[in-house]
Amino acid sequence: MSDKVPATGDSAINTKLGMLANVKVRMTVEVGRTEITIQDLLRLNEGSVIELDRMAGDPLDILVNGTIIARGEVVVVGERFGIRFGEIVDPETRMASV
């Protein structure tokens, strides 16, 4: 038996993906994480600095609906921040985490 999906299967997959093309998802970029106590949280004020779990220059996590899909770096686009995609998580890993 062949492990290949027939061409008609590819067409069906493309049709299903086409139906999802306009569904909105939430994309977030995570700079880092940390844990603090409630006491420390209540002490935060303007100018407070909290150390995160990443080093300066480390790639940032790019998430879609809470699932990491890639890593990238911050760039400036005009007067706004953007993200340049670097390492892309392979589709099998992404689907396994859904």
N, C-alpha and C. Protein backbone atom coordinates (compact mmCIF):
# COMPACT_ATOMS: atom_id res chain seq x y z
N MET A 1 0.83 -1.18 0.00
CA MET A 1 0.00 0.00 0.00
C MET A 1 0.87 1.24 0.00
N SER A 2 0.37 2.27 -0.61
CA SER A 2 1.09 3.52 -0.69
C SER A 2 0.70 4.42 0.48
N ASP A 3 1.69 5.16 1.01
CA ASP A 3 1.41 6.10 2.09
C ASP A 3 0.99 7.46 1.56
N LYS A 4 1.02 7.65 0.25
CA LYS A 4 0.70 8.94 -0.33
C LYS A 4 -0.80 9.18 -0.34
N VAL A 5 -1.18 10.43 -0.07
CA VAL A 5 -2.59 10.82 -0.14
C VAL A 5 -2.90 11.12 -1.59
N PRO A 6 -4.02 10.65 -2.11
CA PRO A 6 -4.35 10.93 -3.50
C PRO A 6 -4.48 12.42 -3.75
N ALA A 7 -4.29 12.81 -4.99
CA ALA A 7 -4.37 14.22 -5.38
C ALA A 7 -5.70 14.82 -4.98
N THR A 8 -6.78 14.04 -5.04
CA THR A 8 -8.08 14.57 -4.63
C THR A 8 -8.08 14.93 -3.16
N GLY A 9 -7.29 14.23 -2.35
CA GLY A 9 -7.16 14.56 -0.94
C GLY A 9 -6.52 15.92 -0.76
N ASP A 10 -5.49 16.21 -1.58
CA ASP A 10 -4.84 17.52 -1.53
C ASP A 10 -5.85 18.61 -1.85
N SER A 11 -6.69 18.37 -2.83
CA SER A 11 -7.70 19.35 -3.22
C SER A 11 -8.68 19.59 -2.08
N ALA A 12 -9.08 18.52 -1.40
CA ALA A 12 -10.01 18.65 -0.28
C ALA A 12 -9.37 19.43 0.86
N ILE A 13 -8.10 19.19 1.11
CA ILE A 13 -7.39 19.93 2.16
C ILE A 13 -7.32 21.40 1.81
N ASN A 14 -6.98 21.72 0.56
CA ASN A 14 -6.91 23.11 0.13
C ASN A 14 -8.26 23.79 0.25
N THR A 15 -9.34 23.08 -0.07
CA THR A 15 -10.68 23.65 0.06
C THR A 15 -10.99 23.96 1.51
N LYS A 16 -10.66 23.04 2.42
CA LYS A 16 -10.90 23.26 3.84
C LYS A 16 -10.06 24.42 4.37
N LEU A 17 -8.80 24.50 3.95
CA LEU A 17 -7.95 25.61 4.37
C LEU A 17 -8.49 26.92 3.83
N GLY A 18 -9.01 26.90 2.61
CA GLY A 18 -9.59 28.10 2.02
C GLY A 18 -10.76 28.62 2.84
N MET A 19 -11.53 27.72 3.42
CA MET A 19 -12.67 28.13 4.25
C MET A 19 -12.19 28.82 5.53
N LEU A 20 -10.99 28.51 5.97
CA LEU A 20 -10.45 29.10 7.20
C LEU A 20 -9.64 30.36 6.95
N ALA A 21 -9.41 30.69 5.69
CA ALA A 21 -8.49 31.77 5.34
C ALA A 21 -8.81 33.10 6.01
N ASN A 22 -10.07 33.40 6.26
CA ASN A 22 -10.44 34.69 6.84
C ASN A 22 -10.71 34.64 8.34
N VAL A 23 -10.42 33.50 8.97
CA VAL A 23 -10.58 33.39 10.42
C VAL A 23 -9.43 34.14 11.09
N LYS A 24 -9.77 35.01 12.04
CA LYS A 24 -8.75 35.77 12.73
C LYS A 24 -8.17 34.96 13.89
N VAL A 25 -6.86 35.09 14.07
CA VAL A 25 -6.15 34.46 15.18
C VAL A 25 -5.36 35.54 15.91
N ARG A 26 -5.03 35.29 17.15
CA ARG A 26 -4.25 36.26 17.93
C ARG A 26 -2.78 35.89 17.86
N MET A 27 -1.97 36.82 17.34
CA MET A 27 -0.52 36.63 17.29
C MET A 27 0.10 37.52 18.36
N THR A 28 0.96 36.91 19.18
CA THR A 28 1.67 37.67 20.20
C THR A 28 3.16 37.37 20.10
N VAL A 29 3.94 38.31 20.57
CA VAL A 29 5.39 38.14 20.61
C VAL A 29 5.80 38.26 22.07
N GLU A 30 6.48 37.24 22.55
CA GLU A 30 6.85 37.19 23.96
C GLU A 30 8.32 37.53 24.14
N VAL A 31 8.56 38.58 24.92
CA VAL A 31 9.92 39.03 25.20
C VAL A 31 10.57 38.15 26.26
N GLY A 32 9.80 37.74 27.24
CA GLY A 32 10.32 36.90 28.31
C GLY A 32 9.28 36.72 29.40
N ARG A 33 9.65 35.95 30.41
CA ARG A 33 8.75 35.67 31.53
C ARG A 33 9.51 35.75 32.84
N THR A 34 8.75 35.90 33.90
CA THR A 34 9.30 35.83 35.24
C THR A 34 8.17 35.54 36.21
N GLU A 35 8.51 35.16 37.41
CA GLU A 35 7.53 34.99 38.48
C GLU A 35 7.89 35.96 39.58
N ILE A 36 6.86 36.63 40.12
CA ILE A 36 7.07 37.53 41.25
C ILE A 36 5.97 37.27 42.27
N THR A 37 6.24 37.68 43.49
CA THR A 37 5.23 37.53 44.54
C THR A 37 4.18 38.63 44.41
N ILE A 38 3.05 38.41 45.01
CA ILE A 38 2.00 39.44 45.04
C ILE A 38 2.55 40.69 45.73
N GLN A 39 3.34 40.50 46.77
CA GLN A 39 3.91 41.64 47.49
C GLN A 39 4.77 42.48 46.54
N ASP A 40 5.63 41.82 45.75
CA ASP A 40 6.46 42.56 44.79
C ASP A 40 5.61 43.20 43.70
N LEU A 41 4.56 42.52 43.28
CA LEU A 41 3.66 43.07 42.27
C LEU A 41 3.03 44.37 42.76
N LEU A 42 2.62 44.38 44.01
CA LEU A 42 1.99 45.58 44.58
C LEU A 42 2.97 46.73 44.76
N ARG A 43 4.26 46.44 44.80
CA ARG A 43 5.28 47.48 44.96
C ARG A 43 5.68 48.12 43.63
N LEU A 44 5.25 47.55 42.52
CA LEU A 44 5.64 48.09 41.21
C LEU A 44 5.06 49.48 41.02
N ASN A 45 5.88 50.35 40.44
CA ASN A 45 5.41 51.69 40.10
C ASN A 45 6.17 52.16 38.87
N GLU A 46 5.87 53.36 38.43
CA GLU A 46 6.53 53.90 37.25
C GLU A 46 8.04 53.89 37.45
N GLY A 47 8.75 53.34 36.49
CA GLY A 47 10.20 53.25 36.57
C GLY A 47 10.72 51.92 37.12
N SER A 48 9.82 51.09 37.63
CA SER A 48 10.24 49.78 38.14
C SER A 48 10.79 48.94 36.99
N VAL A 49 11.77 48.11 37.30
CA VAL A 49 12.38 47.21 36.31
C VAL A 49 12.30 45.79 36.85
N ILE A 50 11.87 44.87 36.00
CA ILE A 50 11.80 43.46 36.38
C ILE A 50 12.68 42.68 35.42
N GLU A 51 13.54 41.83 35.98
CA GLU A 51 14.41 40.99 35.16
C GLU A 51 13.62 39.82 34.60
N LEU A 52 13.80 39.56 33.31
CA LEU A 52 13.11 38.45 32.64
C LEU A 52 14.05 37.27 32.48
N ASP A 53 13.52 36.16 31.98
CA ASP A 53 14.29 34.93 31.85
C ASP A 53 15.12 34.84 30.57
N ARG A 54 15.19 35.90 29.80
CA ARG A 54 15.94 35.89 28.54
C ARG A 54 17.07 36.90 28.59
N MET A 55 18.08 36.61 27.78
CA MET A 55 19.20 37.53 27.65
C MET A 55 18.89 38.54 26.55
N ALA A 56 19.47 39.72 26.66
CA ALA A 56 19.33 40.72 25.59
C ALA A 56 19.89 40.11 24.31
N GLY A 57 19.16 40.25 23.22
CA GLY A 57 19.60 39.71 21.94
C GLY A 57 19.08 38.32 21.64
N ASP A 58 18.51 37.63 22.65
CA ASP A 58 17.91 36.32 22.40
C ASP A 58 16.71 36.47 21.47
N PRO A 59 16.44 35.45 20.65
CA PRO A 59 15.25 35.52 19.80
C PRO A 59 13.98 35.53 20.66
N LEU A 60 12.95 36.18 20.16
CA LEU A 60 11.67 36.27 20.85
C LEU A 60 10.74 35.17 20.34
N ASP A 61 9.85 34.68 21.19
CA ASP A 61 8.87 33.68 20.78
C ASP A 61 7.71 34.37 20.08
N ILE A 62 7.29 33.81 18.95
CA ILE A 62 6.12 34.29 18.22
C ILE A 62 5.05 33.21 18.39
N LEU A 63 3.92 33.61 18.95
CA LEU A 63 2.85 32.66 19.26
C LEU A 63 1.57 33.01 18.51
N VAL A 64 0.84 31.99 18.10
CA VAL A 64 -0.50 32.17 17.54
C VAL A 64 -1.45 31.40 18.44
N ASN A 65 -2.41 32.13 19.01
CA ASN A 65 -3.36 31.55 19.96
C ASN A 65 -2.66 30.74 21.05
N GLY A 66 -1.53 31.26 21.53
CA GLY A 66 -0.81 30.64 22.63
C GLY A 66 0.16 29.53 22.26
N THR A 67 0.27 29.20 20.97
CA THR A 67 1.17 28.15 20.51
C THR A 67 2.36 28.76 19.79
N ILE A 68 3.57 28.39 20.19
CA ILE A 68 4.77 28.93 19.53
C ILE A 68 4.82 28.41 18.10
N ILE A 69 4.92 29.36 17.15
CA ILE A 69 5.03 28.98 15.74
C ILE A 69 6.39 29.35 15.16
N ALA A 70 7.10 30.27 15.84
CA ALA A 70 8.38 30.73 15.30
C ALA A 70 9.13 31.50 16.37
N ARG A 71 10.37 31.86 16.03
CA ARG A 71 11.17 32.77 16.85
C ARG A 71 11.66 33.87 15.92
N GLY A 72 11.86 35.05 16.46
CA GLY A 72 12.27 36.15 15.61
C GLY A 72 12.93 37.26 16.39
N GLU A 73 13.14 38.38 15.70
CA GLU A 73 13.80 39.53 16.31
C GLU A 73 13.00 40.79 16.04
N VAL A 74 13.13 41.75 16.94
CA VAL A 74 12.44 43.03 16.80
C VAL A 74 13.12 43.85 15.72
N VAL A 75 12.29 44.49 14.88
CA VAL A 75 12.78 45.42 13.87
C VAL A 75 11.92 46.68 13.96
N VAL A 76 12.40 47.76 13.36
CA VAL A 76 11.63 49.00 13.29
C VAL A 76 11.13 49.14 11.87
N VAL A 77 9.81 49.36 11.74
CA VAL A 77 9.17 49.54 10.44
C VAL A 77 8.53 50.92 10.48
N GLY A 78 9.18 51.89 9.84
CA GLY A 78 8.69 53.27 9.94
C GLY A 78 8.81 53.73 11.38
N GLU A 79 7.67 54.07 11.98
CA GLU A 79 7.66 54.52 13.37
C GLU A 79 7.11 53.44 14.32
N ARG A 80 6.99 52.23 13.82
CA ARG A 80 6.42 51.14 14.63
C ARG A 80 7.42 50.01 14.78
N PHE A 81 7.18 49.19 15.79
CA PHE A 81 7.97 47.97 15.94
C PHE A 81 7.38 46.89 15.06
N GLY A 82 8.22 45.98 14.62
CA GLY A 82 7.79 44.81 13.86
C GLY A 82 8.59 43.62 14.34
N ILE A 83 8.36 42.49 13.72
CA ILE A 83 9.10 41.28 14.07
C ILE A 83 9.57 40.60 12.79
N ARG A 84 10.84 40.26 12.74
CA ARG A 84 11.39 39.52 11.61
C ARG A 84 11.43 38.05 12.01
N PHE A 85 10.74 37.22 11.23
CA PHE A 85 10.69 35.79 11.51
C PHE A 85 12.05 35.17 11.24
N GLY A 86 12.48 34.34 12.14
CA GLY A 86 13.71 33.58 11.98
C GLY A 86 13.36 32.11 11.89
N GLU A 87 13.66 31.39 12.95
CA GLU A 87 13.37 29.95 13.01
C GLU A 87 11.86 29.71 13.04
N ILE A 88 11.37 28.88 12.12
CA ILE A 88 9.96 28.51 12.07
C ILE A 88 9.81 27.10 12.65
N VAL A 89 8.85 26.93 13.55
CA VAL A 89 8.60 25.62 14.13
C VAL A 89 7.95 24.75 13.06
N ASP A 90 8.42 23.51 12.91
CA ASP A 90 7.88 22.66 11.85
C ASP A 90 6.40 22.35 12.10
N PRO A 91 5.62 22.18 11.02
CA PRO A 91 4.17 21.99 11.14
C PRO A 91 3.75 20.83 12.04
N GLU A 92 4.50 19.72 12.02
CA GLU A 92 4.13 18.58 12.85
C GLU A 92 4.20 18.93 14.33
N THR A 93 5.24 19.67 14.72
CA THR A 93 5.38 20.09 16.11
C THR A 93 4.27 21.05 16.49
N ARG A 94 3.95 21.99 15.59
CA ARG A 94 2.86 22.93 15.86
C ARG A 94 1.55 22.20 16.07
N MET A 95 1.24 21.25 15.21
CA MET A 95 -0.03 20.53 15.30
C MET A 95 -0.09 19.66 16.55
N ALA A 96 1.04 19.13 16.97
CA ALA A 96 1.08 18.29 18.17
C ALA A 96 0.77 19.10 19.42
N SER A 97 1.06 20.40 19.39
CA SER A 97 0.84 21.23 20.58
C SER A 97 -0.55 21.85 20.61
N VAL A 98 -1.35 21.63 19.59
CA VAL A 98 -2.71 22.20 19.55
C VAL A 98 -3.66 21.34 20.34
